[in-house]
C-alpha atoms as a PDB file:
ATOM      1  CA  MET A   1      79.283  14.042-112.670  1.00  0.00           C
ATOM      2  CA  LYS A   2      80.551  10.487-112.989  1.00  0.00           C
ATOM      3  CA  ILE A   3      79.227   7.376-111.300  1.00  0.00           C
ATOM      4  CA  TYR A   4      81.446   4.301-111.110  1.00  0.00           C
ATOM      5  CA  ILE A   5      79.797   0.916-111.437  1.00  0.00           C
ATOM      6  CA  LYS A   6      81.257  -2.440-110.465  1.00  0.00           C
ATOM      7  CA  ASN A   7      81.001  -5.498-112.781  1.00  0.00           C
ATOM      8  CA  MET A   8      80.528  -3.611-116.050  1.00  0.00           C
ATOM      9  CA  VAL A   9      82.773  -5.710-118.272  1.00  0.00           C
ATOM     10  CA  CYS A  10      81.238  -5.883-121.747  1.00  0.00           C
ATOM     11  CA  SER A  11      79.119  -4.028-124.282  1.00  0.00           C
ATOM     12  CA  ARG A  12      75.990  -5.880-123.127  1.00  0.00           C
ATOM     13  CA  CYS A  13      76.662  -4.559-119.623  1.00  0.00           C
ATOM     14  CA  LYS A  14      76.714  -1.034-121.031  1.00  0.00           C
ATOM     15  CA  MET A  15      73.340  -1.606-122.721  1.00  0.00           C
ATOM     16  CA  VAL A  16      71.798  -3.004-119.526  1.00  0.00           C
ATOM     17  CA  VAL A  17      73.138  -0.153-117.408  1.00  0.00           C
ATOM     18  CA  LYS A  18      71.905   2.398-119.948  1.00  0.00           C
ATOM     19  CA  SER A  19      68.461   0.841-119.759  1.00  0.00           C
ATOM     20  CA  VAL A  20      68.486   1.045-115.948  1.00  0.00           C
ATOM     21  CA  PHE A  21      69.443   4.735-116.037  1.00  0.00           C
ATOM     22  CA  GLU A  22      66.620   5.410-118.513  1.00  0.00           C
ATOM     23  CA  THR A  23      64.141   3.478-116.369  1.00  0.00           C
ATOM     24  CA  VAL A  24      65.130   5.399-113.234  1.00  0.00           C
ATOM     25  CA  GLY A  25      64.924   8.663-115.209  1.00  0.00           C
ATOM     26  CA  ILE A  26      68.553   9.767-114.991  1.00  0.00           C
ATOM     27  CA  GLU A  27      70.023  11.321-118.145  1.00  0.00           C
ATOM     28  CA  THR A  28      73.481  10.204-119.218  1.00  0.00           C
ATOM     29  CA  LEU A  29      76.109  11.789-121.449  1.00  0.00           C
ATOM     30  CA  ALA A  30      78.338   8.755-121.912  1.00  0.00           C
ATOM     31  CA  ILE A  31      78.495   5.163-120.725  1.00  0.00           C
ATOM     32  CA  ASP A  32      81.805   3.342-120.695  1.00  0.00           C
ATOM     33  CA  LEU A  33      83.007   0.174-118.999  1.00  0.00           C
ATOM     34  CA  GLY A  34      82.813   0.828-115.272  1.00  0.00           C
ATOM     35  CA  GLU A  35      81.675   4.433-115.434  1.00  0.00           C
ATOM     36  CA  VAL A  36      78.725   6.561-116.433  1.00  0.00           C
ATOM     37  CA  GLU A  37      78.930  10.286-117.053  1.00  0.00           C
ATOM     38  CA  LEU A  38      75.755  12.106-116.136  1.00  0.00           C
ATOM     39  CA  LYS A  39      74.267  15.313-117.530  1.00  0.00           C
ATOM     40  CA  SER A  40      73.814  16.727-114.030  1.00  0.00           C
ATOM     41  CA  GLU A  41      74.184  15.950-110.345  1.00  0.00           C
ATOM     42  CA  ILE A  42      71.707  13.469-108.869  1.00  0.00           C
ATOM     43  CA  SER A  43      70.067  13.418-105.458  1.00  0.00           C
ATOM     44  CA  GLU A  44      70.688  10.782-102.800  1.00  0.00           C
ATOM     45  CA  THR A  45      67.145   9.503-103.457  1.00  0.00           C
ATOM     46  CA  GLN A  46      67.937   9.014-107.155  1.00  0.00           C
ATOM     47  CA  LYS A  47      71.243   7.386-106.271  1.00  0.00           C
ATOM     48  CA  SER A  48      69.483   4.998-103.903  1.00  0.00           C
ATOM     49  CA  ALA A  49      66.858   4.115-106.533  1.00  0.00           C
ATOM     50  CA  LEU A  50      69.625   3.566-109.076  1.00  0.00           C
ATOM     51  CA  SER A  51      71.540   1.324-106.678  1.00  0.00           C
ATOM     52  CA  LYS A  52      68.418  -0.750-105.985  1.00  0.00           C
ATOM     53  CA  ALA A  53      67.737  -1.145-109.725  1.00  0.00           C
ATOM     54  CA  LEU A  54      71.338  -2.141-110.519  1.00  0.00           C
ATOM     55  CA  LYS A  55      71.862  -4.630-107.669  1.00  0.00           C
ATOM     56  CA  PRO A  56      69.590  -7.465-108.958  1.00  0.00           C
ATOM     57  CA  LEU A  57      71.402  -7.263-112.311  1.00  0.00           C
ATOM     58  CA  GLY A  58      74.790  -7.846-110.674  1.00  0.00           C
ATOM     59  CA  PHE A  59      76.020  -4.236-110.684  1.00  0.00           C
ATOM     60  CA  GLU A  60      76.975  -1.991-107.773  1.00  0.00           C
ATOM     61  CA  ILE A  61      77.721   1.689-107.425  1.00  0.00           C
ATOM     62  CA  ILE A  62      81.268   2.225-106.162  1.00  0.00           C
ATOM     63  CA  ASP A  63      81.828   5.119-103.798  1.00  0.00           C
ATOM     64  CA  ASP A  64      85.274   4.786-102.245  1.00  0.00           C
ATOM     65  CA  LYS A  65      88.530   5.590-104.058  1.00  0.00           C
ATOM     66  CA  LYS A  66      90.203   2.200-103.441  1.00  0.00           C
ATOM     67  CA  SER A  67      87.258   0.281-104.887  1.00  0.00           C
ATOM     68  CA  LYS A  68      87.139   2.570-107.915  1.00  0.00           C
ATOM     69  CA  THR A  69      90.820   1.974-108.611  1.00  0.00           C
ATOM     70  CA  ILE A  70      90.499  -1.808-108.192  1.00  0.00           C
ATOM     71  CA  ASP A  71      87.483  -1.859-110.478  1.00  0.00           C
ATOM     72  CA  ARG A  72      89.297   0.218-113.115  1.00  0.00           C
ATOM     73  CA  ILE A  73      92.254  -2.202-113.000  1.00  0.00           C
ATOM     74  CA  LYS A  74      89.919  -5.179-113.462  1.00  0.00           C
ATOM     75  CA  THR A  75      87.981  -3.449-116.241  1.00  0.00           C
ATOM     76  CA  LEU A  76      91.168  -2.559-118.132  1.00  0.00           C
ATOM     77  CA  ILE A  77      92.484  -6.121-117.824  1.00  0.00           C
ATOM     78  CA  ILE A  78      89.190  -7.693-118.895  1.00  0.00           C
ATOM     79  CA  ASP A  79      88.893  -5.314-121.856  1.00  0.00           C
ATOM     80  CA  LEU A  80      92.497  -6.035-122.801  1.00  0.00           C
ATOM     81  CA  VAL A  81      92.007  -9.822-122.735  1.00  0.00           C
ATOM     82  CA  GLN A  82      88.571  -9.875-124.334  1.00  0.00           C
ATOM     83  CA  ASN A  83      89.031  -7.229-127.004  1.00  0.00           C
ATOM     84  CA  LYS A  84      92.588  -6.169-127.676  1.00  0.00           C
ATOM     85  CA  ASN A  85      95.204  -8.416-126.061  1.00  0.00           C
ATOM     86  CA  ASN A  86      97.316  -8.658-129.162  1.00  0.00           C
ATOM     87  CA  ASP A  87      97.449  -4.845-129.197  1.00  0.00           C
ATOM     88  CA  LEU A  88      99.502  -4.829-125.985  1.00  0.00           C
ATOM     89  CA  LYS A  89     102.770  -3.364-127.244  1.00  0.00           C
ATOM     90  CA  SER A  90     104.415  -2.896-123.858  1.00  0.00           C
ATOM     91  CA  ASN A  91     104.137  -4.848-120.653  1.00  0.00           C
ATOM     92  CA  LEU A  92     101.024  -4.962-118.472  1.00  0.00           C
ATOM     93  CA  SER A  93     102.504  -2.743-115.764  1.00  0.00           C
ATOM     94  CA  HIS A  94     103.179   0.062-118.262  1.00  0.00           C
ATOM     95  CA  TYR A  95      99.732  -0.362-119.831  1.00  0.00           C
ATOM     96  CA  LEU A  96      97.967  -0.037-116.461  1.00  0.00           C
ATOM     97  CA  SER A  97     100.164   2.834-115.250  1.00  0.00           C
ATOM     98  CA  GLN A  98      99.575   4.739-118.460  1.00  0.00           C
ATOM     99  CA  ASN A  99      95.795   4.221-118.463  1.00  0.00           C
ATOM    100  CA  LEU A 100      95.316   4.970-114.766  1.00  0.00           C
ATOM    101  CA  ASN A 101      97.956   7.706-114.460  1.00  0.00           C
ATOM    102  CA  GLN A 102      99.395   6.085-111.347  1.00  0.00           C
ATOM    103  CA  ASP A 103     102.615   4.355-110.401  1.00  0.00           C
ATOM    104  CA  TYR A 104     102.403   0.600-111.001  1.00  0.00           C
ATOM    105  CA  ASN A 105     103.845  -0.281-107.580  1.00  0.00           C
ATOM    106  CA  THR A 106     101.031   1.682-105.921  1.00  0.00           C
ATOM    107  CA  LEU A 107      98.437  -0.071-108.085  1.00  0.00           C
ATOM    108  CA  SER A 108      99.993  -3.479-107.482  1.00  0.00           C
ATOM    109  CA  ASN A 109     100.166  -3.040-103.706  1.00  0.00           C
ATOM    110  CA  LEU A 110      96.571  -1.804-103.525  1.00  0.00           C
ATOM    111  CA  PHE A 111      95.300  -4.644-105.719  1.00  0.00           C
ATOM    112  CA  SER A 112      97.145  -7.305-103.704  1.00  0.00           C
ATOM    113  CA  GLU A 113      95.957  -5.835-100.412  1.00  0.00           C
ATOM    114  CA  VAL A 114      92.283  -5.730-101.417  1.00  0.00           C
ATOM    115  CA  GLU A 115      91.990  -8.771-103.722  1.00  0.00           C
ATOM    116  CA  ASN A 116      94.465 -11.153-102.013  1.00  0.00           C
ATOM    117  CA  THR A 117      96.081 -11.906-105.364  1.00  0.00           C
ATOM    118  CA  THR A 118      98.477 -10.114-107.678  1.00  0.00           C
ATOM    119  CA  ILE A 119      97.549  -8.191-110.793  1.00  0.00           C
ATOM    120  CA  GLU A 120      99.624 -10.630-112.825  1.00  0.00           C
ATOM    121  CA  LYS A 121      97.758 -13.671-111.481  1.00  0.00           C
ATOM    122  CA  TYR A 122      94.429 -11.965-112.143  1.00  0.00           C
ATOM    123  CA  PHE A 123      95.587 -11.213-115.701  1.00  0.00           C
ATOM    124  CA  ILE A 124      96.668 -14.837-116.237  1.00  0.00           C
ATOM    125  CA  HIS A 125      93.329 -16.167-114.925  1.00  0.00           C
ATOM    126  CA  GLN A 126      91.479 -13.873-117.333  1.00  0.00           C
ATOM    127  CA  LYS A 127      93.612 -15.152-120.212  1.00  0.00           C
ATOM    128  CA  ILE A 128      92.984 -18.786-119.203  1.00  0.00           C
ATOM    129  CA  GLU A 129      89.225 -18.203-119.229  1.00  0.00           C
ATOM    130  CA  LYS A 130      89.526 -16.647-122.693  1.00  0.00           C
ATOM    131  CA  ILE A 131      91.554 -19.661-123.842  1.00  0.00           C
ATOM    132  CA  LYS A 132      88.815 -21.985-122.506  1.00  0.00           C
ATOM    133  CA  GLU A 133      86.236 -19.983-124.454  1.00  0.00           C
ATOM    134  CA  LEU A 134      88.248 -20.176-127.660  1.00  0.00           C
ATOM    135  CA  ILE A 135      88.925 -23.903-127.201  1.00  0.00           C
ATOM    136  CA  ILE A 136      85.224 -24.594-126.672  1.00  0.00           C
ATOM    137  CA  TYR A 137      84.280 -22.567-129.773  1.00  0.00           C
ATOM    138  CA  ASP A 138      86.734 -24.750-131.728  1.00  0.00           C
ATOM    139  CA  GLU A 139      87.291 -22.157-134.449  1.00  0.00           C
ATOM    140  CA  LEU A 140      91.006 -21.470-133.881  1.00  0.00           C
ATOM    141  CA  SER A 141      94.009 -23.726-133.572  1.00  0.00           C
ATOM    142  CA  LEU A 142      96.150 -23.555-130.436  1.00  0.00           C
ATOM    143  CA  SER A 143      98.817 -21.628-132.313  1.00  0.00           C
ATOM    144  CA  GLU A 144      96.222 -19.079-133.454  1.00  0.00           C
ATOM    145  CA  ILE A 145      94.934 -18.787-129.885  1.00  0.00           C
ATOM    146  CA  ALA A 146      98.505 -18.343-128.606  1.00  0.00           C
ATOM    147  CA  TYR A 147      99.122 -15.595-131.156  1.00  0.00           C
ATOM    148  CA  SER A 148      95.823 -13.815-130.483  1.00  0.00           C
ATOM    149  CA  LEU A 149      96.503 -13.738-126.732  1.00  0.00           C
ATOM    150  CA  ASN A 150     100.097 -12.588-127.138  1.00  0.00           C
ATOM    151  CA  TYR A 151     101.810 -15.794-125.962  1.00  0.00           C
ATOM    152  CA  SER A 152     105.359 -16.336-127.173  1.00  0.00           C
ATOM    153  CA  SER A 153     104.579 -19.936-128.171  1.00  0.00           C
ATOM    154  CA  VAL A 154     102.027 -22.731-127.973  1.00  0.00           C
ATOM    155  CA  SER A 155     104.136 -24.450-125.331  1.00  0.00           C
ATOM    156  CA  HIS A 156     104.071 -21.322-123.153  1.00  0.00           C
ATOM    157  CA  LEU A 157     100.277 -21.202-123.465  1.00  0.00           C
ATOM    158  CA  SER A 158      99.995 -24.946-122.751  1.00  0.00           C
ATOM    159  CA  ASN A 159     102.264 -24.795-119.703  1.00  0.00           C
ATOM    160  CA  GLN A 160     100.369 -21.858-118.216  1.00  0.00           C
ATOM    161  CA  PHE A 161      97.012 -23.472-119.006  1.00  0.00           C
ATOM    162  CA  LYS A 162      98.029 -26.735-117.321  1.00  0.00           C
ATOM    163  CA  LYS A 163      99.468 -24.919-114.300  1.00  0.00           C
ATOM    164  CA  ILE A 164      96.171 -23.083-113.699  1.00  0.00           C
ATOM    165  CA  THR A 165      93.591 -25.719-114.704  1.00  0.00           C
ATOM    166  CA  GLY A 166      95.470 -28.954-114.140  1.00  0.00           C
ATOM    167  CA  TYR A 167      94.682 -30.021-117.723  1.00  0.00           C
ATOM    168  CA  SER A 168      96.449 -29.687-121.029  1.00  0.00           C
ATOM    169  CA  PRO A 169      94.494 -27.651-123.610  1.00  0.00           C
ATOM    170  CA  THR A 170      93.948 -30.807-125.690  1.00  0.00           C
ATOM    171  CA  TYR A 171      92.617 -32.768-122.723  1.00  0.00           C
ATOM    172  CA  PHE A 172      90.361 -29.829-121.821  1.00  0.00           C
ATOM    173  CA  LYS A 173      89.060 -29.709-125.392  1.00  0.00           C
ATOM    174  CA  ASN A 174      88.152 -33.379-125.193  1.00  0.00           C
ATOM    175  CA  LEU A 175      86.399 -32.995-121.834  1.00  0.00           C
ATOM    176  CA  LYS A 176      83.928 -30.262-122.790  1.00  0.00           C
ATOM    177  CA  LEU A 177      82.311 -30.855-119.407  1.00  0.00           C
ATOM    178  CA  ILE A 178      84.275 -28.247-117.514  1.00  0.00           C
ATOM    179  CA  LYS A 179      82.302 -25.061-117.456  1.00  0.00           C
ATOM    180  CA  ARG A 180      83.931 -21.690-117.834  1.00  0.00           C
ATOM    181  CA  LYS A 181      83.788 -19.246-114.945  1.00  0.00           C
ATOM    182  CA  GLN A 182      82.011 -15.950-115.243  1.00  0.00           C
ATOM    183  CA  ILE A 183      84.399 -13.019-115.432  1.00  0.00           C
ATOM    184  CA  GLU A 184      83.105 -11.422-112.258  1.00  0.00           C
ATOM    185  CA  ASP A 185      83.689 -14.684-110.318  1.00  0.00           C
ATOM    186  CA  LEU A 186      87.429 -14.668-110.976  1.00  0.00           C
END
C-alpha cells in the first residue's frame, strides 16, 4: 500500500516523515519524496492518527487522484531544480510525461486548472528561488549558476531573474535583505 504525502520536498522531509510513521507505529518499506510504501494496509484509525501527527509538521495525506498528480508534478520539479537540473537532457514537458506516464497536455491542463498557474511558470519560480539561494551563499559566479541551472547564458538568467523579482542578480546580491520564499509557499 502507498500513501501520498503533500509537501515532502527534501531528504530532511523524508527523515521527519519516517520518524512520524515510527512514532505512530506504522511500518514502512520505502519512503520517497511525496510517497510512502507501507508493509501492510492500515486502518482508518491509524490513518487518522498519522494525519494528525503529520499536519503540525506541514505535511498532509493526499487522497484524491488530482491532488496526487499535482503533488507529483511539484515534487518532480522541485527535485529537478534542487538536485539535478543540469541533468535535464530533454525539455520539461518530456521529463514530466516520462516520469508520470501521462500526456503532457493532460498534466498541463490539470496543473493550470488547480494551481492557477502554468507548469512552466512554477518551474521558473523554483529556479529563481534556487538562484536566490546560490547568490546568497556567494560561492558560485553568475555564469556558474547559469550553467548549473541549465540556462543558455548569464543574460538569459539575468533577464528571467529581473522579470520575476524586479531586481538584477547583482542588485539582489547587494541587498541581502530580501528573504527567500519557502518551497511550499510558491
